Amino acid sequence: MASDYSLAGHIVRRARLAGAAVLENGNPFFAPLDRLQADAIRAGGVLTSFANYDYLGISDHAAIRDAAHLALDRVGVGALGSRLVGGERLIHADFENALAKFVGTGACLTLVSGYLTNLTTISHLLGKRDLVIYDELSHNSIVAGVASCKATPMEFRHNDMDHLRHLLTEARGNYRNCLIVVESLYSMDGDIANLPELLNLKDEFHSWLLVDEAHSIGVLGETGRGICEYFKEDPERIDLIIGTLSKTFVSCGGFICAQKPVLDWMKFLLPGFVYSVGLPPVIAAAANAALQLIIKEPERVGKLQANSKHFLEKAKAAGLSTGPAEGYAVVPVHFSDMRTTMAASDHLMKNGVYAPPIVQMGVPKGLPRIRFFISARHSFDEIDRTVELLRSFSATLAKAPVESQAALA
């Protein structure tokens, strides 16, 4: 049968891709944020976004823009090749050294994609005689890395250290090497990994530990140094710390922090580094400027944490379901079904609050939610107003006739 490239065929394919009911009442995804902000200003209002990663509120800071402009003027836009064979810019080593010092490890290596960093690291480290055990709620980049490697995969129940111990007890002795993989601050639920117990298990069972700190650098700890500062543990005890430059560092790319001999080896053998270009100098310079701001102005971390706790406390007081979130930058609000979640997001958008739904991407189909990214830039008034909009939406839904609820659900 010939392929159907008609409009009707496109609609059918889109329905298959997104789920038949997801987009039938409008598309909240791929929103033109610049236009939405401009429209809100023209209407005499403001758009409050809870959809972006700018945790410390520095995405448009003058120091970051100046650093990017300076790098652009001095060396141009692109890295122009793999750093291994094409050479690198001075900013690469300067930034990596500064970031390693900030995190508390011996060295750091940057890559052009945060997603790629997990995928290439996990898939390259392990062979057929190895074991990889990962949290069931791990980010897709971790899952893809596990699927791409030759090691035997095992999944443990989310944040369940007893289950992880059970799997290690049963299986560790059958394999040459073992890698335990977790996120520090879980990106969909906002809860934190039990690092002290993970370190104990890693040592007891002679395993390696990889911690994805994508959402916790700049968020956890008194000065934003991440999960080790939060738990007062030595970062050198973690074998591999993975991070991203797209959150707190308001840029793009990923990084690995580890002991220097490990990264000296990876510089020559890690496929995602060797066979890809280096960070564009403009991006590296911007991320480095963001890092210097975080060091210079640690009060931003405190403001973020205060805002996050305020959001969580207000949401719970309003009777909203926030799951296991602990009040650090990521707070989900759960709804009973997909259509209610979509409707709640639409209600927020109509009232000047941008917070897209998470329905069939990134979370199980039966656990839809709106995920709120909190920023140091948010005000308590913005948070209170947003929570009140959610509370009033839920209250209206509860009072609606049964047939109206059924139509919505």
Protein backbone atom coordinates (compact mmCIF):
# COMPACT_ATOMS: atom_id res chain seq x y z
CA MET A 1 0.00 0.00 0.00
CA ALA A 2 1.29 3.44 -0.89
CA SER A 3 2.13 5.84 1.93
CA ASP A 4 -0.55 8.40 2.76
CA TYR A 5 0.98 11.90 2.77
CA SER A 6 -2.38 13.70 2.80
CA LEU A 7 -3.56 16.02 5.56
CA ALA A 8 -5.82 13.25 6.84
CA GLY A 9 -2.88 10.87 6.91
CA HIS A 10 -0.82 13.41 8.84
CA ILE A 11 -3.58 13.78 11.44
CA VAL A 12 -3.75 10.01 11.88
CA ARG A 13 0.03 9.73 12.29
CA ARG A 14 0.06 12.59 14.80
CA ALA A 15 -2.71 10.93 16.78
CA ARG A 16 -0.74 7.68 16.87
CA LEU A 17 2.37 9.51 17.98
CA ALA A 18 0.84 11.60 20.74
CA GLY A 19 -2.15 9.50 21.74
CA ALA A 20 -5.53 10.00 20.14
CA ALA A 21 -6.91 12.35 22.80
CA VAL A 22 -3.85 14.39 23.68
CA LEU A 23 -4.08 17.09 21.04
CA GLU A 24 -7.75 17.14 20.15
CA ASN A 25 -8.47 20.20 22.31
CA GLY A 26 -5.37 22.16 21.35
CA ASN A 27 -1.62 21.73 21.46
CA PRO A 28 0.13 23.07 24.58
CA PHE A 29 3.52 21.86 23.41
CA PHE A 30 6.23 23.69 21.42
CA ALA A 31 4.81 27.00 22.61
CA PRO A 32 6.50 30.08 21.05
CA LEU A 33 7.67 31.46 24.38
CA ASP A 34 9.02 34.74 22.99
CA ARG A 35 5.66 35.50 21.37
CA LEU A 36 3.70 34.54 24.47
CA GLN A 37 5.83 36.88 26.57
CA ALA A 38 5.46 39.72 24.06
CA ASP A 39 1.69 39.21 23.83
CA ALA A 40 1.36 39.30 27.62
CA ILE A 41 3.32 42.55 27.84
CA ARG A 42 1.24 44.16 25.07
CA ALA A 43 -1.89 43.22 26.98
CA GLY A 44 -0.55 44.98 30.05
CA GLY A 45 0.30 41.81 31.93
CA VAL A 46 3.16 39.39 32.37
CA LEU A 47 3.74 35.73 31.56
CA THR A 48 4.90 33.68 34.54
CA SER A 49 6.76 30.57 33.36
CA PHE A 50 7.27 27.45 35.43
CA ALA A 51 8.46 25.50 32.39
CA ASN A 52 12.09 26.54 32.16
CA TYR A 53 15.30 25.39 33.84
CA ASP A 54 16.62 28.79 34.87
CA TYR A 55 16.80 27.72 38.51
CA LEU A 56 18.93 30.63 39.72
CA GLY A 57 17.35 33.29 37.51
CA ILE A 58 20.48 34.22 35.57
CA SER A 59 19.61 33.34 31.97
CA ASP A 60 19.67 36.99 30.84
CA HIS A 61 22.33 38.23 33.26
CA ALA A 62 24.63 40.87 31.74
CA ALA A 63 27.81 39.05 32.81
CA ILE A 64 26.78 35.94 30.88
CA ARG A 65 25.83 37.89 27.79
CA ASP A 66 29.10 39.85 27.92
CA ALA A 67 31.14 36.65 28.21
CA ALA A 68 29.36 35.14 25.22
CA HIS A 69 29.84 38.31 23.16
CA LEU A 70 33.53 38.42 24.02
CA ALA A 71 34.05 34.78 23.02
CA LEU A 72 32.17 35.39 19.78
CA ASP A 73 34.35 38.37 18.93
CA ARG A 74 37.60 36.61 19.81
CA VAL A 75 37.21 33.08 18.39
CA GLY A 76 33.93 32.92 16.49
CA VAL A 77 30.99 30.58 16.86
CA GLY A 78 31.94 26.95 16.43
CA ALA A 79 34.48 24.57 17.94
CA LEU A 80 35.21 23.46 14.35
CA GLY A 81 36.11 19.87 15.15
CA SER A 82 36.67 17.14 17.69
CA ARG A 83 38.97 18.41 20.41
CA LEU A 84 41.11 15.29 20.05
CA VAL A 85 42.13 15.94 16.46
CA GLY A 86 40.93 19.48 15.79
CA GLY A 87 42.38 21.13 18.86
CA GLU A 88 40.53 22.95 21.57
CA ARG A 89 40.03 26.50 22.81
CA LEU A 90 41.54 27.83 26.01
CA ILE A 91 38.05 28.31 27.43
CA HIS A 92 37.49 24.53 27.41
CA ALA A 93 40.23 23.79 29.95
CA ASP A 94 39.50 26.94 31.96
CA PHE A 95 35.84 26.01 32.35
CA GLU A 96 36.46 22.33 33.04
CA ASN A 97 39.05 23.09 35.71
CA ALA A 98 36.74 25.59 37.39
CA LEU A 99 33.78 23.22 37.27
CA ALA A 100 35.80 20.31 38.70
CA LYS A 101 36.91 22.54 41.56
CA PHE A 102 33.33 23.67 42.19
CA VAL A 103 31.93 20.13 42.24
CA GLY A 104 34.89 18.85 44.27
CA THR A 105 36.42 16.27 41.94
CA GLY A 106 39.82 15.85 40.34
CA ALA A 107 38.79 16.65 36.79
CA CYS A 108 35.93 17.46 34.45
CA LEU A 109 35.16 16.74 30.78
CA THR A 110 32.48 18.59 28.80
CA LEU A 111 30.41 17.22 25.90
CA VAL A 112 28.03 18.90 23.48
CA SER A 113 24.86 17.23 24.82
CA GLY A 114 23.65 16.35 28.30
CA TYR A 115 21.61 13.46 26.89
CA LEU A 116 24.63 12.18 24.98
CA THR A 117 26.77 12.33 28.12
CA ASN A 118 24.76 9.67 29.94
CA LEU A 119 24.25 7.56 26.85
CA THR A 120 27.88 7.42 25.74
CA THR A 121 29.34 7.03 29.24
CA ILE A 122 27.14 4.13 30.34
CA SER A 123 27.30 2.29 27.01
CA HIS A 124 31.09 2.61 26.77
CA LEU A 125 32.07 1.66 30.33
CA LEU A 126 30.56 -1.80 30.51
CA GLY A 127 31.02 -5.09 28.67
CA LYS A 128 29.35 -8.50 28.42
CA ARG A 129 30.66 -9.71 31.79
CA ASP A 130 29.39 -6.64 33.64
CA LEU A 131 26.22 -5.64 35.47
CA VAL A 132 24.37 -2.30 35.48
CA ILE A 133 21.68 -1.64 38.10
CA TYR A 134 19.61 1.51 37.74
CA ASP A 135 16.66 3.21 39.40
CA GLU A 136 13.35 2.48 37.68
CA LEU A 137 12.55 6.21 37.37
CA SER A 138 15.85 7.12 35.74
CA HIS A 139 15.89 9.69 32.94
CA ASN A 140 15.56 8.39 29.39
CA SER A 141 19.21 9.22 28.70
CA ILE A 142 20.19 6.71 31.39
CA VAL A 143 17.76 4.10 30.09
CA ALA A 144 19.10 4.59 26.56
CA GLY A 145 22.66 4.20 27.80
CA VAL A 146 21.75 0.98 29.60
CA ALA A 147 20.00 -0.34 26.51
CA SER A 148 23.03 0.48 24.35
CA CYS A 149 25.62 -1.30 26.48
CA LYS A 150 26.47 -4.99 26.49
CA ALA A 151 26.15 -5.42 30.25
CA THR A 152 23.30 -7.25 31.96
CA PRO A 153 20.71 -4.67 33.06
CA MET A 154 18.70 -4.77 36.30
CA GLU A 155 16.18 -2.22 37.52
CA PHE A 156 15.54 -1.51 41.19
CA ARG A 157 12.43 0.02 42.67
CA HIS A 158 12.58 3.79 42.92
CA ASN A 159 14.76 4.95 45.81
CA ASP A 160 14.34 1.53 47.46
CA MET A 161 17.72 0.76 49.00
CA ASP A 162 16.51 -2.56 50.39
CA HIS A 163 15.60 -3.73 46.89
CA LEU A 164 18.94 -2.52 45.54
CA ARG A 165 20.74 -4.43 48.31
CA HIS A 166 18.73 -7.55 47.46
CA LEU A 167 19.70 -7.37 43.78
CA LEU A 168 23.35 -6.80 44.61
CA THR A 169 23.35 -9.69 47.07
CA GLU A 170 21.81 -12.03 44.51
CA ALA A 171 23.72 -10.98 41.40
CA ARG A 172 26.93 -9.06 42.09
CA GLY A 173 29.12 -12.12 42.49
CA ASN A 174 28.29 -13.30 38.98
CA TYR A 175 29.82 -10.32 37.20
CA ARG A 176 33.23 -8.74 36.71
CA ASN A 177 32.17 -5.12 37.21
CA CYS A 178 28.99 -3.50 38.49
CA LEU A 179 27.71 0.03 37.90
CA ILE A 180 24.91 1.54 40.01
CA VAL A 181 23.13 4.44 38.30
CA VAL A 182 20.82 7.00 39.93
CA GLU A 183 19.69 10.59 39.62
CA SER A 184 20.41 12.88 42.52
CA LEU A 185 17.28 15.04 42.23
CA TYR A 186 14.67 13.18 40.20
CA SER A 187 13.49 15.33 37.34
CA MET A 188 9.85 14.22 37.27
CA ASP A 189 9.16 13.68 40.98
CA GLY A 190 11.45 16.11 42.78
CA ASP A 191 12.73 13.64 45.38
CA ILE A 192 16.35 13.02 46.30
CA ALA A 193 18.45 9.85 46.12
CA ASN A 194 19.72 8.33 49.37
CA LEU A 195 23.38 9.08 48.70
CA PRO A 196 24.81 7.89 52.05
CA GLU A 197 23.27 4.43 51.63
CA LEU A 198 24.23 4.30 47.95
CA LEU A 199 27.86 4.97 48.90
CA ASN A 200 27.72 2.26 51.56
CA LEU A 201 26.31 -0.27 49.07
CA LYS A 202 28.81 0.72 46.40
CA ASP A 203 31.70 0.09 48.79
CA GLU A 204 30.25 -3.08 50.30
CA PHE A 205 29.64 -4.70 46.92
CA HIS A 206 32.76 -3.34 45.19
CA SER A 207 30.76 -1.46 42.59
CA TRP A 208 30.97 1.84 40.75
CA LEU A 209 28.44 4.60 41.32
CA LEU A 210 27.23 7.04 38.65
CA VAL A 211 25.09 9.95 39.87
CA ASP A 212 23.26 12.15 37.38
CA GLU A 213 23.26 15.64 38.92
CA ALA A 214 21.47 17.36 36.04
CA HIS A 215 18.88 18.97 38.31
CA SER A 216 20.84 19.25 41.55
CA ILE A 217 23.95 21.29 40.73
CA GLY A 218 23.07 24.85 41.74
CA VAL A 219 20.04 23.54 43.64
CA LEU A 220 21.12 21.22 46.48
CA GLY A 221 23.50 22.19 49.24
CA GLU A 222 24.15 25.51 50.92
CA THR A 223 26.15 26.84 47.97
CA GLY A 224 24.61 24.72 45.21
CA ARG A 225 27.39 22.19 44.87
CA GLY A 226 24.92 19.35 44.65
CA ILE A 227 24.00 16.17 46.43
CA CYS A 228 27.38 15.69 48.14
CA GLU A 229 27.17 19.10 49.78
CA TYR A 230 23.54 18.38 50.71
CA PHE A 231 24.50 15.15 52.51
CA LYS A 232 27.98 16.36 53.53
CA GLU A 233 29.68 13.52 51.65
CA ASP A 234 33.01 13.61 49.81
CA PRO A 235 32.43 13.94 46.02
CA GLU A 236 35.52 11.83 45.38
CA ARG A 237 33.60 8.81 46.71
CA ILE A 238 31.34 8.95 43.65
CA ASP A 239 33.02 7.38 40.64
CA LEU A 240 31.19 9.41 38.00
CA ILE A 241 29.16 12.59 38.41
CA ILE A 242 27.19 13.47 35.30
CA GLY A 243 25.73 16.93 34.80
CA THR A 244 24.20 19.24 32.25
CA LEU A 245 24.86 22.82 31.25
CA SER A 246 21.25 23.49 30.26
CA LYS A 247 19.84 23.93 33.77
CA THR A 248 21.68 26.05 36.31
CA PHE A 249 24.37 27.00 33.78
CA VAL A 250 21.71 28.30 31.32
CA SER A 251 23.64 27.03 28.30
CA CYS A 252 23.77 23.69 26.51
CA GLY A 253 25.84 20.52 26.80
CA GLY A 254 26.89 18.01 29.42
CA PHE A 255 29.83 17.17 31.64
CA ILE A 256 31.48 14.32 33.52
CA CYS A 257 33.29 14.90 36.81
CA ALA A 258 35.60 12.14 38.03
CA GLN A 259 39.17 11.41 39.06
CA LYS A 260 41.72 12.77 36.60
CA PRO A 261 43.10 9.38 35.40
CA VAL A 262 39.56 8.28 34.50
CA LEU A 263 38.90 11.34 32.37
CA ASP A 264 42.38 11.27 30.83
CA TRP A 265 41.42 7.81 29.55
CA MET A 266 37.97 8.95 28.39
CA LYS A 267 39.45 11.81 26.37
CA PHE A 268 40.94 9.24 24.01
CA LEU A 269 38.26 6.54 24.03
CA LEU A 270 34.80 7.89 24.91
CA PRO A 271 32.84 7.83 21.62
CA GLY A 272 30.55 10.73 22.46
CA PHE A 273 33.62 12.91 23.07
CA VAL A 274 36.09 11.60 20.49
CA TYR A 275 33.64 11.48 17.59
CA SER A 276 31.84 14.73 18.31
CA VAL A 277 32.83 18.38 18.27
CA GLY A 278 33.79 20.23 21.41
CA LEU A 279 31.55 22.78 23.08
CA PRO A 280 31.20 25.92 20.96
CA PRO A 281 33.40 28.57 22.62
CA VAL A 282 30.40 30.89 23.01
CA ILE A 283 28.54 28.22 24.99
CA ALA A 284 31.58 27.34 27.11
CA ALA A 285 32.17 31.01 27.91
CA ALA A 286 28.52 31.57 28.85
CA ALA A 287 28.47 28.48 31.08
CA ASN A 288 31.72 29.54 32.72
CA ALA A 289 30.30 33.00 33.44
CA ALA A 290 27.22 31.35 34.96
CA LEU A 291 29.49 29.25 37.17
CA GLN A 292 31.32 32.34 38.38
CA LEU A 293 27.97 33.97 39.23
CA ILE A 294 26.90 30.94 41.25
CA ILE A 295 30.17 31.10 43.21
CA LYS A 296 30.02 34.85 43.68
CA GLU A 297 26.32 35.05 44.60
CA PRO A 298 25.42 31.95 46.68
CA GLU A 299 22.38 33.81 48.02
CA ARG A 300 20.66 32.89 44.76
CA VAL A 301 20.69 29.26 45.89
CA GLY A 302 19.05 30.23 49.16
CA LYS A 303 16.35 32.21 47.34
CA LEU A 304 15.65 29.25 45.04
CA GLN A 305 15.36 26.90 48.01
CA ALA A 306 13.04 29.30 49.84
CA ASN A 307 10.81 29.65 46.78
CA SER A 308 10.73 25.89 46.27
CA LYS A 309 9.77 25.18 49.88
CA HIS A 310 7.10 27.89 49.69
CA PHE A 311 5.59 26.38 46.54
CA LEU A 312 5.51 22.89 48.05
CA GLU A 313 4.01 24.06 51.35
CA LYS A 314 1.34 26.14 49.60
CA ALA A 315 0.47 23.32 47.20
CA LYS A 316 0.06 20.82 50.03
CA ALA A 317 -2.02 23.28 52.05
CA ALA A 318 -4.28 23.70 49.00
CA GLY A 319 -4.87 19.95 48.88
CA LEU A 320 -2.86 19.39 45.71
CA SER A 321 -1.04 16.11 45.16
CA THR A 322 2.72 16.65 44.96
CA GLY A 323 3.90 13.06 45.31
CA PRO A 324 7.30 12.54 46.96
CA ALA A 325 8.66 16.00 46.04
CA GLU A 326 10.96 17.44 48.70
CA GLY A 327 10.78 21.09 47.66
CA TYR A 328 13.97 21.63 45.67
CA ALA A 329 13.38 23.28 42.27
CA VAL A 330 11.13 20.51 40.89
CA VAL A 331 7.58 20.13 42.21
CA PRO A 332 4.99 18.09 40.28
CA VAL A 333 1.24 18.46 40.77
CA HIS A 334 -0.55 15.23 39.95
CA PHE A 335 -4.00 14.85 38.40
CA SER A 336 -6.32 11.89 38.06
CA ASP A 337 -6.18 11.56 34.28
CA MET A 338 -4.73 12.98 31.11
CA ARG A 339 -7.59 15.26 30.07
CA THR A 340 -7.87 16.85 33.50
CA THR A 341 -4.14 17.54 33.40
CA MET A 342 -4.44 19.12 29.96
CA ALA A 343 -7.38 21.22 31.12
CA ALA A 344 -5.52 22.40 34.23
CA SER A 345 -2.55 23.48 32.11
CA ASP A 346 -4.88 25.32 29.74
CA HIS A 347 -6.54 27.05 32.70
CA LEU A 348 -3.15 28.29 33.87
CA MET A 349 -2.18 29.48 30.39
CA LYS A 350 -5.40 31.47 30.03
CA ASN A 351 -4.46 33.21 33.29
CA GLY A 352 -0.90 34.07 32.31
CA VAL A 353 0.93 31.07 33.77
CA TYR A 354 2.91 28.82 31.44
CA ALA A 355 3.25 25.26 32.78
CA PRO A 356 2.77 22.55 30.12
CA PRO A 357 1.33 19.15 31.04
CA ILE A 358 3.38 15.96 31.27
CA VAL A 359 1.00 13.25 30.10
CA GLN A 360 2.44 10.49 27.93
CA MET A 361 6.03 11.58 27.56
CA GLY A 362 8.52 10.97 30.34
CA VAL A 363 6.06 9.51 32.86
CA PRO A 364 3.85 6.40 32.92
CA LYS A 365 0.54 6.88 31.11
CA GLY A 366 -1.47 6.61 34.33
CA LEU A 367 0.55 9.26 36.23
CA PRO A 368 -0.06 12.59 34.42
CA ARG A 369 1.10 15.79 36.05
CA ILE A 370 2.12 19.38 35.60
CA ARG A 371 5.76 19.72 36.54
CA PHE A 372 6.73 23.08 38.02
CA PHE A 373 10.31 24.28 37.75
CA ILE A 374 10.88 26.84 40.49
CA SER A 375 13.36 29.68 40.03
CA ALA A 376 15.10 32.14 42.31
CA ARG A 377 13.45 34.75 40.10
CA HIS A 378 9.91 33.78 41.08
CA SER A 379 8.17 35.84 43.72
CA PHE A 380 6.00 34.50 46.52
CA ASP A 381 3.09 36.40 44.95
CA GLU A 382 3.55 34.55 41.63
CA ILE A 383 3.73 31.25 43.45
CA ASP A 384 0.67 31.99 45.59
CA ARG A 385 -1.36 33.07 42.57
CA THR A 386 -0.41 29.94 40.62
CA VAL A 387 -1.30 27.61 43.48
CA GLU A 388 -4.62 29.44 43.93
CA LEU A 389 -5.40 28.96 40.22
CA LEU A 390 -4.77 25.23 40.62
CA ARG A 391 -6.84 25.07 43.80
CA SER A 392 -9.78 26.89 42.22
CA PHE A 393 -9.59 24.69 39.12
CA SER A 394 -9.68 21.55 41.27
CA ALA A 395 -12.52 22.94 43.39
CA THR A 396 -14.58 23.79 40.30
CA LEU A 397 -13.96 20.33 38.89
CA ALA A 398 -15.06 18.68 42.14
CA LYS A 399 -18.34 20.64 42.12
CA ALA A 400 -19.10 19.96 38.45
CA PRO A 401 -21.94 17.59 37.60
CA VAL A 402 -20.90 13.97 37.19
CA GLU A 403 -21.59 14.06 33.45
CA SER A 404 -19.31 17.12 33.03
CA GLN A 405 -16.52 15.37 34.90
CA ALA A 406 -16.94 12.32 32.72
CA ALA A 407 -16.71 14.46 29.58
CA LEU A 408 -13.52 16.10 30.87
CA ALA A 409 -11.97 12.78 31.91
